[in-house]
Amino acid sequence: MTFKRRNGGRNKKNRGHVKFVRCVNCGRTVPKDKAVKRFQTRNVVDASSQRDLRDASAIEDYNLPRLYIKMQYCISCAIHARIVRVRSTEGRRIRTPPQRFRRRS
């Protein structure tokens, strides 16, 4: 039988079983190696409150802490939320990761 992907859509080589994780969007259980994982960095407070805190702060160069959240999605939610895209047959053969964009500081 023909197969769509060389890795079967998973990152499990020579491991019989992997633990399951829950999708943060829909709650579906997904194998940990198959889940689409993204780190989300957010400020603890929004921009307007951040400005108020900066004005009221006694310390000059105080940086507010950030939230670092690991988001794990099932494939269907990742495609629906456009975190990953469906690629053509030729595009699936390209195994190099896409180029990362750098945010200006």
PDB file of N, CA and C in Angstrom:
ATOM      1  N   MET A   1       0.829  -1.180   0.000  1.00  0.00           N
ATOM      2  CA  MET A   1       0.000   0.000   0.000  1.00  0.00           C
ATOM      3  C   MET A   1       0.878   1.251   0.000  1.00  0.00           C
ATOM      4  N   THR A   2       0.468   2.251  -0.751  1.00  0.00           N
ATOM      5  CA  THR A   2       1.260   3.479  -0.814  1.00  0.00           C
ATOM      6  C   THR A   2       1.116   4.242   0.495  1.00  0.00           C
ATOM      7  N   PHE A   3       2.112   5.052   0.794  1.00  0.00           N
ATOM      8  CA  PHE A   3       2.036   5.856   2.005  1.00  0.00           C
ATOM      9  C   PHE A   3       2.315   7.314   1.685  1.00  0.00           C
ATOM     10  N   LYS A   4       1.729   8.173   2.490  1.00  0.00           N
ATOM     11  CA  LYS A   4       1.758   9.603   2.220  1.00  0.00           C
ATOM     12  C   LYS A   4       3.049  10.239   2.709  1.00  0.00           C
ATOM     13  N   ARG A   5       3.504   9.826   3.876  1.00  0.00           N
ATOM     14  CA  ARG A   5       4.695  10.428   4.470  1.00  0.00           C
ATOM     15  C   ARG A   5       5.708   9.377   4.856  1.00  0.00           C
ATOM     16  N   ARG A   6       6.972   9.736   4.721  1.00  0.00           N
ATOM     17  CA  ARG A   6       8.067   8.827   5.057  1.00  0.00           C
ATOM     18  C   ARG A   6       8.047   8.459   6.544  1.00  0.00           C
ATOM     19  N   ASN A   7       7.652   9.408   7.387  1.00  0.00           N
ATOM     20  CA  ASN A   7       7.648   9.152   8.833  1.00  0.00           C
ATOM     21  C   ASN A   7       6.267   8.824   9.377  1.00  0.00           C
ATOM     22  N   GLY A   8       5.275   8.713   8.517  1.00  0.00           N
ATOM     23  CA  GLY A   8       3.919   8.410   8.981  1.00  0.00           C
ATOM     24  C   GLY A   8       3.308   9.532   9.794  1.00  0.00           C
ATOM     25  N   GLY A   9       3.834  10.746   9.667  1.00  0.00           N
ATOM     26  CA  GLY A   9       3.315  11.891  10.414  1.00  0.00           C
ATOM     27  C   GLY A   9       3.752  11.914  11.860  1.00  0.00           C
ATOM     28  N   ARG A  10       4.767  11.124  12.199  1.00  0.00           N
ATOM     29  CA  ARG A  10       5.209  11.045  13.588  1.00  0.00           C
ATOM     30  C   ARG A  10       6.717  11.146  13.673  1.00  0.00           C
ATOM     31  N   ASN A  11       7.192  11.374  14.876  1.00  0.00           N
ATOM     32  CA  ASN A  11       8.625  11.470  15.125  1.00  0.00           C
ATOM     33  C   ASN A  11       9.051  10.337  16.055  1.00  0.00           C
ATOM     34  N   LYS A  12       8.516   9.144  15.827  1.00  0.00           N
ATOM     35  CA  LYS A  12       8.750   8.009  16.705  1.00  0.00           C
ATOM     36  C   LYS A  12       9.532   6.965  15.928  1.00  0.00           C
ATOM     37  N   LYS A  13      10.816   6.966  16.080  1.00  0.00           N
ATOM     38  CA  LYS A  13      11.631   5.951  15.430  1.00  0.00           C
ATOM     39  C   LYS A  13      12.147   4.992  16.492  1.00  0.00           C
ATOM     40  N   ASN A  14      11.828   3.711  16.331  1.00  0.00           N
ATOM     41  CA  ASN A  14      12.319   2.647  17.208  1.00  0.00           C
ATOM     42  C   ASN A  14      11.818   2.784  18.651  1.00  0.00           C
ATOM     43  N   ARG A  15      10.698   3.453  18.854  1.00  0.00           N
ATOM     44  CA  ARG A  15      10.038   3.504  20.157  1.00  0.00           C
ATOM     45  C   ARG A  15       8.696   2.839  19.977  1.00  0.00           C
ATOM     46  N   GLY A  16       8.394   1.877  20.783  1.00  0.00           N
ATOM     47  CA  GLY A  16       7.130   1.179  20.604  1.00  0.00           C
ATOM     48  C   GLY A  16       5.930   2.054  20.892  1.00  0.00           C
ATOM     49  N   HIS A  17       5.999   2.839  21.949  1.00  0.00           N
ATOM     50  CA  HIS A  17       4.851   3.615  22.398  1.00  0.00           C
ATOM     51  C   HIS A  17       5.334   4.946  22.946  1.00  0.00           C
ATOM     52  N   VAL A  18       4.553   5.986  22.768  1.00  0.00           N
ATOM     53  CA  VAL A  18       4.848   7.289  23.376  1.00  0.00           C
ATOM     54  C   VAL A  18       3.616   7.745  24.162  1.00  0.00           C
ATOM     55  N   LYS A  19       3.845   8.631  25.109  1.00  0.00           N
ATOM     56  CA  LYS A  19       2.750   9.163  25.925  1.00  0.00           C
ATOM     57  C   LYS A  19       1.855  10.059  25.075  1.00  0.00           C
ATOM     58  N   PHE A  20       0.648  10.253  25.553  1.00  0.00           N
ATOM     59  CA  PHE A  20      -0.291  11.127  24.872  1.00  0.00           C
ATOM     60  C   PHE A  20      -0.352  12.475  25.569  1.00  0.00           C
ATOM     61  N   VAL A  21      -0.609  13.518  24.794  1.00  0.00           N
ATOM     62  CA  VAL A  21      -0.827  14.859  25.331  1.00  0.00           C
ATOM     63  C   VAL A  21      -2.204  15.328  24.869  1.00  0.00           C
ATOM     64  N   ARG A  22      -2.716  16.356  25.514  1.00  0.00           N
ATOM     65  CA  ARG A  22      -4.021  16.880  25.140  1.00  0.00           C
ATOM     66  C   ARG A  22      -3.851  18.130  24.297  1.00  0.00           C
ATOM     67  N   CYS A  23      -4.646  18.235  23.250  1.00  0.00           N
ATOM     68  CA  CYS A  23      -4.640  19.426  22.399  1.00  0.00           C
ATOM     69  C   CYS A  23      -5.179  20.600  23.216  1.00  0.00           C
ATOM     70  N   VAL A  24      -4.491  21.752  23.139  1.00  0.00           N
ATOM     71  CA  VAL A  24      -4.914  22.908  23.932  1.00  0.00           C
ATOM     72  C   VAL A  24      -6.179  23.544  23.370  1.00  0.00           C
ATOM     73  N   ASN A  25      -6.515  23.231  22.130  1.00  0.00           N
ATOM     74  CA  ASN A  25      -7.674  23.847  21.502  1.00  0.00           C
ATOM     75  C   ASN A  25      -8.950  23.021  21.694  1.00  0.00           C
ATOM     76  N   CYS A  26      -8.881  21.724  21.375  1.00  0.00           N
ATOM     77  CA  CYS A  26     -10.102  20.916  21.406  1.00  0.00           C
ATOM     78  C   CYS A  26     -10.075  19.833  22.470  1.00  0.00           C
ATOM     79  N   GLY A  27      -8.924  19.533  23.059  1.00  0.00           N
ATOM     80  CA  GLY A  27      -8.847  18.528  24.105  1.00  0.00           C
ATOM     81  C   GLY A  27      -8.620  17.118  23.619  1.00  0.00           C
ATOM     82  N   ARG A  28      -8.432  16.937  22.319  1.00  0.00           N
ATOM     83  CA  ARG A  28      -8.196  15.595  21.775  1.00  0.00           C
ATOM     84  C   ARG A  28      -6.855  15.061  22.267  1.00  0.00           C
ATOM     85  N   THR A  29      -6.797  13.755  22.532  1.00  0.00           N
ATOM     86  CA  THR A  29      -5.517  13.155  22.909  1.00  0.00           C
ATOM     87  C   THR A  29      -4.733  12.849  21.643  1.00  0.00           C
ATOM     88  N   VAL A  30      -3.473  13.271  21.634  1.00  0.00           N
ATOM     89  CA  VAL A  30      -2.594  13.121  20.476  1.00  0.00           C
ATOM     90  C   VAL A  30      -1.286  12.532  20.978  1.00  0.00           C
ATOM     91  N   PRO A  31      -0.654  11.620  20.232  1.00  0.00           N
ATOM     92  CA  PRO A  31       0.672  11.166  20.628  1.00  0.00           C
ATOM     93  C   PRO A  31       1.639  12.346  20.694  1.00  0.00           C
ATOM     94  N   LYS A  32       2.499  12.357  21.698  1.00  0.00           N
ATOM     95  CA  LYS A  32       3.382  13.505  21.931  1.00  0.00           C
ATOM     96  C   LYS A  32       4.280  13.793  20.745  1.00  0.00           C
ATOM     97  N   ASP A  33       4.697  12.750  20.041  1.00  0.00           N
ATOM     98  CA  ASP A  33       5.585  12.967  18.901  1.00  0.00           C
ATOM     99  C   ASP A  33       4.834  13.451  17.667  1.00  0.00           C
ATOM    100  N   LYS A  34       3.529  13.292  17.638  1.00  0.00           N
ATOM    101  CA  LYS A  34       2.739  13.730  16.485  1.00  0.00           C
ATOM    102  C   LYS A  34       2.194  15.144  16.672  1.00  0.00           C
ATOM    103  N   ALA A  35       2.051  15.586  17.900  1.00  0.00           N
ATOM    104  CA  ALA A  35       1.459  16.892  18.192  1.00  0.00           C
ATOM    105  C   ALA A  35       2.324  18.015  17.622  1.00  0.00           C
ATOM    106  N   VAL A  36       1.664  19.081  17.200  1.00  0.00           N
ATOM    107  CA  VAL A  36       2.355  20.270  16.696  1.00  0.00           C
ATOM    108  C   VAL A  36       2.629  21.158  17.902  1.00  0.00           C
ATOM    109  N   LYS A  37       3.918  21.397  18.188  1.00  0.00           N
ATOM    110  CA  LYS A  37       4.296  22.105  19.406  1.00  0.00           C
ATOM    111  C   LYS A  37       4.838  23.498  19.068  1.00  0.00           C
ATOM    112  N   ARG A  38       4.321  24.500  19.754  1.00  0.00           N
ATOM    113  CA  ARG A  38       4.771  25.876  19.561  1.00  0.00           C
ATOM    114  C   ARG A  38       4.894  26.545  20.923  1.00  0.00           C
ATOM    115  N   PHE A  39       5.930  27.358  21.087  1.00  0.00           N
ATOM    116  CA  PHE A  39       6.070  28.152  22.306  1.00  0.00           C
ATOM    117  C   PHE A  39       5.414  29.490  22.086  1.00  0.00           C
ATOM    118  N   GLN A  40       4.623  29.927  23.047  1.00  0.00           N
ATOM    119  CA  GLN A  40       3.971  31.228  22.987  1.00  0.00           C
ATOM    120  C   GLN A  40       4.521  32.072  24.124  1.00  0.00           C
ATOM    121  N   THR A  41       5.077  33.221  23.795  1.00  0.00           N
ATOM    122  CA  THR A  41       5.572  34.131  24.830  1.00  0.00           C
ATOM    123  C   THR A  41       4.622  35.321  24.891  1.00  0.00           C
ATOM    124  N   ARG A  42       4.112  35.581  26.086  1.00  0.00           N
ATOM    125  CA  ARG A  42       3.183  36.686  26.283  1.00  0.00           C
ATOM    126  C   ARG A  42       3.634  37.508  27.470  1.00  0.00           C
ATOM    127  N   ASN A  43       3.272  38.764  27.461  1.00  0.00           N
ATOM    128  CA  ASN A  43       3.488  39.609  28.624  1.00  0.00           C
ATOM    129  C   ASN A  43       2.449  39.257  29.680  1.00  0.00           C
ATOM    130  N   VAL A  44       2.828  39.423  30.953  1.00  0.00           N
ATOM    131  CA  VAL A  44       1.906  39.122  32.044  1.00  0.00           C
ATOM    132  C   VAL A  44       0.762  40.140  32.045  1.00  0.00           C
ATOM    133  N   VAL A  45       1.065  41.381  31.706  1.00  0.00           N
ATOM    134  CA  VAL A  45       0.033  42.430  31.659  1.00  0.00           C
ATOM    135  C   VAL A  45      -0.031  42.996  30.241  1.00  0.00           C
ATOM    136  N   ASP A  46      -1.168  43.638  29.898  1.00  0.00           N
ATOM    137  CA  ASP A  46      -1.325  44.205  28.558  1.00  0.00           C
ATOM    138  C   ASP A  46      -0.533  45.508  28.426  1.00  0.00           C
ATOM    139  N   ALA A  47      -0.491  46.066  27.222  1.00  0.00           N
ATOM    140  CA  ALA A  47       0.391  47.193  26.912  1.00  0.00           C
ATOM    141  C   ALA A  47       0.049  48.452  27.709  1.00  0.00           C
ATOM    142  N   SER A  48      -1.240  48.772  27.857  1.00  0.00           N
ATOM    143  CA  SER A  48      -1.607  49.997  28.571  1.00  0.00           C
ATOM    144  C   SER A  48      -1.273  49.884  30.068  1.00  0.00           C
ATOM    145  N   SER A  49      -1.538  48.728  30.662  1.00  0.00           N
ATOM    146  CA  SER A  49      -1.195  48.522  32.071  1.00  0.00           C
ATOM    147  C   SER A  49       0.315  48.485  32.262  1.00  0.00           C
ATOM    148  N   GLN A  50       1.014  47.981  31.263  1.00  0.00           N
ATOM    149  CA  GLN A  50       2.473  47.924  31.327  1.00  0.00           C
ATOM    150  C   GLN A  50       3.057  49.341  31.378  1.00  0.00           C
ATOM    151  N   ARG A  51       2.474  50.238  30.591  1.00  0.00           N
ATOM    152  CA  ARG A  51       2.930  51.630  30.591  1.00  0.00           C
ATOM    153  C   ARG A  51       2.657  52.287  31.946  1.00  0.00           C
ATOM    154  N   ASP A  52       1.495  52.017  32.546  1.00  0.00           N
ATOM    155  CA  ASP A  52       1.164  52.566  33.863  1.00  0.00           C
ATOM    156  C   ASP A  52       2.135  52.049  34.924  1.00  0.00           C
ATOM    157  N   LEU A  53       2.448  50.750  34.856  1.00  0.00           N
ATOM    158  CA  LEU A  53       3.394  50.172  35.821  1.00  0.00           C
ATOM    159  C   LEU A  53       4.791  50.749  35.648  1.00  0.00           C
ATOM    160  N   ARG A  54       5.181  50.990  34.394  1.00  0.00           N
ATOM    161  CA  ARG A  54       6.507  51.556  34.131  1.00  0.00           C
ATOM    162  C   ARG A  54       6.609  52.981  34.689  1.00  0.00           C
ATOM    163  N   ASP A  55       5.532  53.767  34.565  1.00  0.00           N
ATOM    164  CA  ASP A  55       5.527  55.142  35.081  1.00  0.00           C
ATOM    165  C   ASP A  55       5.537  55.158  36.608  1.00  0.00           C
ATOM    166  N   ALA A  56       4.842  54.208  37.248  1.00  0.00           N
ATOM    167  CA  ALA A  56       4.736  54.194  38.704  1.00  0.00           C
ATOM    168  C   ALA A  56       5.893  53.463  39.380  1.00  0.00           C
ATOM    169  N   SER A  57       6.730  52.801  38.599  1.00  0.00           N
ATOM    170  CA  SER A  57       7.797  51.982  39.176  1.00  0.00           C
ATOM    171  C   SER A  57       8.927  52.846  39.717  1.00  0.00           C
ATOM    172  N   ALA A  58       9.517  52.403  40.827  1.00  0.00           N
ATOM    173  CA  ALA A  58      10.653  53.107  41.418  1.00  0.00           C
ATOM    174  C   ALA A  58      11.958  52.701  40.741  1.00  0.00           C
ATOM    175  N   ILE A  59      12.004  51.514  40.172  1.00  0.00           N
ATOM    176  CA  ILE A  59      13.208  51.032  39.495  1.00  0.00           C
ATOM    177  C   ILE A  59      13.157  51.485  38.043  1.00  0.00           C
ATOM    178  N   GLU A  60      14.251  52.059  37.566  1.00  0.00           N
ATOM    179  CA  GLU A  60      14.280  52.637  36.213  1.00  0.00           C
ATOM    180  C   GLU A  60      14.098  51.585  35.121  1.00  0.00           C
ATOM    181  N   ASP A  61      15.016  50.619  35.059  1.00  0.00           N
ATOM    182  CA  ASP A  61      15.026  49.648  33.959  1.00  0.00           C
ATOM    183  C   ASP A  61      14.487  48.298  34.408  1.00  0.00           C
ATOM    184  N   TYR A  62      13.282  48.289  34.930  1.00  0.00           N
ATOM    185  CA  TYR A  62      12.694  47.033  35.376  1.00  0.00           C
ATOM    186  C   TYR A  62      11.902  46.406  34.236  1.00  0.00           C
ATOM    187  N   ASN A  63      12.239  45.169  33.905  1.00  0.00           N
ATOM    188  CA  ASN A  63      11.503  44.437  32.872  1.00  0.00           C
ATOM    189  C   ASN A  63      10.483  43.532  33.543  1.00  0.00           C
ATOM    190  N   LEU A  64       9.238  43.646  33.099  1.00  0.00           N
ATOM    191  CA  LEU A  64       8.191  42.780  33.635  1.00  0.00           C
ATOM    192  C   LEU A  64       8.413  41.348  33.175  1.00  0.00           C
ATOM    193  N   PRO A  65       8.082  40.375  34.009  1.00  0.00           N
ATOM    194  CA  PRO A  65       8.257  38.984  33.587  1.00  0.00           C
ATOM    195  C   PRO A  65       7.292  38.620  32.455  1.00  0.00           C
ATOM    196  N   ARG A  66       7.673  37.602  31.705  1.00  0.00           N
ATOM    197  CA  ARG A  66       6.865  37.139  30.589  1.00  0.00           C
ATOM    198  C   ARG A  66       6.368  35.726  30.866  1.00  0.00           C
ATOM    199  N   LEU A  67       5.280  35.364  30.215  1.00  0.00           N
ATOM    200  CA  LEU A  67       4.752  34.006  30.304  1.00  0.00           C
ATOM    201  C   LEU A  67       5.263  33.198  29.117  1.00  0.00           C
ATOM    202  N   TYR A  68       5.839  32.054  29.389  1.00  0.00           N
ATOM    203  CA  TYR A  68       6.294  31.158  28.332  1.00  0.00           C
ATOM    204  C   TYR A  68       5.412  29.914  28.397  1.00  0.00           C
ATOM    205  N   ILE A  69       4.562  29.735  27.396  1.00  0.00           N
ATOM    206  CA  ILE A  69       3.590  28.649  27.395  1.00  0.00           C
ATOM    207  C   ILE A  69       3.877  27.744  26.209  1.00  0.00           C
ATOM    208  N   LYS A  70       3.967  26.441  26.478  1.00  0.00           N
ATOM    209  CA  LYS A  70       4.140  25.479  25.390  1.00  0.00           C
ATOM    210  C   LYS A  70       2.760  25.021  24.946  1.00  0.00           C
ATOM    211  N   MET A  71       2.404  25.356  23.717  1.00  0.00           N
ATOM    212  CA  MET A  71       1.109  25.000  23.152  1.00  0.00           C
ATOM    213  C   MET A  71       1.279  23.726  22.339  1.00  0.00           C
ATOM    214  N   GLN A  72       0.400  22.752  22.547  1.00  0.00           N
ATOM    215  CA  GLN A  72       0.458  21.494  21.817  1.00  0.00           C
ATOM    216  C   GLN A  72      -0.892  21.265  21.151  1.00  0.00           C
ATOM    217  N   TYR A  73      -0.879  21.204  19.819  1.00  0.00           N
ATOM    218  CA  TYR A  73      -2.100  21.098  19.042  1.00  0.00           C
ATOM    219  C   TYR A  73      -2.187  19.742  18.359  1.00  0.00           C
ATOM    220  N   CYS A  74      -3.423  19.255  18.136  1.00  0.00           N
ATOM    221  CA  CYS A  74      -3.604  18.108  17.256  1.00  0.00           C
ATOM    222  C   CYS A  74      -3.478  18.627  15.819  1.00  0.00           C
ATOM    223  N   ILE A  75      -3.311  17.725  14.876  1.00  0.00           N
ATOM    224  CA  ILE A  75      -3.071  18.120  13.492  1.00  0.00           C
ATOM    225  C   ILE A  75      -4.240  18.915  12.927  1.00  0.00           C
ATOM    226  N   SER A  76      -5.464  18.471  13.199  1.00  0.00           N
ATOM    227  CA  SER A  76      -6.623  19.152  12.612  1.00  0.00           C
ATOM    228  C   SER A  76      -6.775  20.577  13.149  1.00  0.00           C
ATOM    229  N   CYS A  77      -6.495  20.807  14.424  1.00  0.00           N
ATOM    230  CA  CYS A  77      -6.575  22.164  14.975  1.00  0.00           C
ATOM    231  C   CYS A  77      -5.425  23.030  14.468  1.00  0.00           C
ATOM    232  N   ALA A  78      -4.248  22.422  14.305  1.00  0.00           N
ATOM    233  CA  ALA A  78      -3.101  23.183  13.803  1.00  0.00           C
ATOM    234  C   ALA A  78      -3.337  23.635  12.371  1.00  0.00           C
ATOM    235  N   ILE A  79      -3.957  22.794  11.560  1.00  0.00           N
ATOM    236  CA  ILE A  79      -4.277  23.188  10.183  1.00  0.00           C
ATOM    237  C   ILE A  79      -5.386  24.229  10.180  1.00  0.00           C
ATOM    238  N   HIS A  80      -6.391  24.040  11.013  1.00  0.00           N
ATOM    239  CA  HIS A  80      -7.520  24.970  11.059  1.00  0.00           C
ATOM    240  C   HIS A  80      -7.081  26.358  11.525  1.00  0.00           C
ATOM    241  N   ALA A  81      -6.171  26.409  12.493  1.00  0.00           N
ATOM    242  CA  ALA A  81      -5.686  27.693  13.016  1.00  0.00           C
ATOM    243  C   ALA A  81      -4.510  28.245  12.211  1.00  0.00           C
ATOM    244  N   ARG A  82      -4.179  27.574  11.105  1.00  0.00           N
ATOM    245  CA  ARG A  82      -3.096  27.976  10.195  1.00  0.00           C
ATOM    246  C   ARG A  82      -1.733  28.042  10.877  1.00  0.00           C
ATOM    247  N   ILE A  83      -1.504  27.153  11.841  1.00  0.00           N
ATOM    248  CA  ILE A  83      -0.184  27.047  12.465  1.00  0.00           C
ATOM    249  C   ILE A  83       0.739  26.267  11.546  1.00  0.00           C
ATOM    250  N   VAL A  84       0.198  25.246  10.895  1.00  0.00           N
ATOM    251  CA  VAL A  84       0.903  24.529   9.827  1.00  0.00           C
ATOM    252  C   VAL A  84       0.008  24.553   8.600  1.00  0.00           C
ATOM    253  N   ARG A  85       0.607  24.372   7.435  1.00  0.00           N
ATOM    254  CA  ARG A  85      -0.137  24.392   6.184  1.00  0.00           C
ATOM    255  C   ARG A  85      -0.069  23.028   5.513  1.00  0.00           C
ATOM    256  N   VAL A  86      -1.060  22.729   4.710  1.00  0.00           N
ATOM    257  CA  VAL A  86      -1.052  21.514   3.908  1.00  0.00           C
ATOM    258  C   VAL A  86      -0.106  21.752   2.736  1.00  0.00           C
ATOM    259  N   ARG A  87       0.786  20.782   2.497  1.00  0.00           N
ATOM    260  CA  ARG A  87       1.747  20.929   1.407  1.00  0.00           C
ATOM    261  C   ARG A  87       1.461  19.923   0.297  1.00  0.00           C
ATOM    262  N   SER A  88       1.894  20.263  -0.902  1.00  0.00           N
ATOM    263  CA  SER A  88       1.707  19.378  -2.045  1.00  0.00           C
ATOM    264  C   SER A  88       2.625  18.167  -1.915  1.00  0.00           C
ATOM    265  N   THR A  89       2.449  17.214  -2.814  1.00  0.00           N
ATOM    266  CA  THR A  89       3.262  15.994  -2.783  1.00  0.00           C
ATOM    267  C   THR A  89       4.743  16.317  -2.931  1.00  0.00           C
ATOM    268  N   GLU A  90       5.066  17.244  -3.827  1.00  0.00           N
ATOM    269  CA  GLU A  90       6.468  17.650  -4.005  1.00  0.00           C
ATOM    270  C   GLU A  90       6.951  18.439  -2.788  1.00  0.00           C
ATOM    271  N   GLY A  91       6.074  19.248  -2.229  1.00  0.00           N
ATOM    272  CA  GLY A  91       6.446  20.053  -1.066  1.00  0.00           C
ATOM    273  C   GLY A  91       6.717  19.224   0.175  1.00  0.00           C
ATOM    274  N   ARG A  92       6.044  18.062   0.286  1.00  0.00           N
ATOM    275  CA  ARG A  92       6.255  17.188   1.438  1.00  0.00           C
ATOM    276  C   ARG A  92       7.632  16.567   1.446  1.00  0.00           C
ATOM    277  N   ARG A  93       8.250  16.488   0.281  1.00  0.00           N
ATOM    278  CA  ARG A  93       9.583  15.877   0.204  1.00  0.00           C
ATOM    279  C   ARG A  93      10.675  16.815   0.710  1.00  0.00           C
ATOM    280  N   ILE A  94      10.377  18.085   0.818  1.00  0.00           N
ATOM    281  CA  ILE A  94      11.346  19.061   1.327  1.00  0.00           C
ATOM    282  C   ILE A  94      11.389  18.910   2.837  1.00  0.00           C
ATOM    283  N   ARG A  95      12.512  18.400   3.347  1.00  0.00           N
ATOM    284  CA  ARG A  95      12.604  18.089   4.775  1.00  0.00           C
ATOM    285  C   ARG A  95      13.296  19.180   5.587  1.00  0.00           C
ATOM    286  N   THR A  96      13.854  20.190   4.917  1.00  0.00           N
ATOM    287  CA  THR A  96      14.495  21.274   5.664  1.00  0.00           C
ATOM    288  C   THR A  96      13.419  22.139   6.312  1.00  0.00           C
ATOM    289  N   PRO A  97      13.638  22.577   7.557  1.00  0.00           N
ATOM    290  CA  PRO A  97      12.621  23.407   8.211  1.00  0.00           C
ATOM    291  C   PRO A  97      12.520  24.769   7.529  1.00  0.00           C
ATOM    292  N   PRO A  98      11.340  25.382   7.556  1.00  0.00           N
ATOM    293  CA  PRO A  98      11.200  26.705   6.926  1.00  0.00           C
ATOM    294  C   PRO A  98      12.032  27.749   7.658  1.00  0.00           C
ATOM    295  N   GLN A  99      12.397  28.790   6.927  1.00  0.00           N
ATOM    296  CA  GLN A  99      13.258  29.826   7.508  1.00  0.00           C
ATOM    297  C   GLN A  99      12.500  30.597   8.569  1.00  0.00           C
ATOM    298  N   ARG A 100      13.150  30.799   9.715  1.00  0.00           N
ATOM    299  CA  ARG A 100      12.520  31.520  10.823  1.00  0.00           C
ATOM    300  C   ARG A 100      12.597  33.016  10.584  1.00  0.00           C
ATOM    301  N   PHE A 101      11.573  33.702  11.004  1.00  0.00           N
ATOM    302  CA  PHE A 101      11.605  35.160  10.918  1.00  0.00           C
ATOM    303  C   PHE A 101      12.056  35.726  12.251  1.00  0.00           C
ATOM    304  N   ARG A 102      12.845  36.782  12.188  1.00  0.00           N
ATOM    305  CA  ARG A 102      13.350  37.424  13.405  1.00  0.00           C
ATOM    306  C   ARG A 102      12.517  38.653  13.700  1.00  0.00           C
ATOM    307  N   ARG A 103      12.110  38.754  14.963  1.00  0.00           N
ATOM    308  CA  ARG A 103      11.365  39.930  15.378  1.00  0.00           C
ATOM    309  C   ARG A 103      12.325  41.055  15.702  1.00  0.00           C
ATOM    310  N   ARG A 104      11.942  42.263  15.274  1.00  0.00           N
ATOM    311  CA  ARG A 104      12.791  43.410  15.592  1.00  0.00           C
ATOM    312  C   ARG A 104      12.625  43.799  17.042  1.00  0.00           C
ATOM    313  N   SER A 105      13.736  44.078  17.727  1.00  0.00           N
ATOM    314  CA  SER A 105      13.678  44.441  19.147  1.00  0.00           C
ATOM    315  C   SER A 105      13.721  45.943  19.324  1.00  0.00           C
TER     316      SER A 105
END
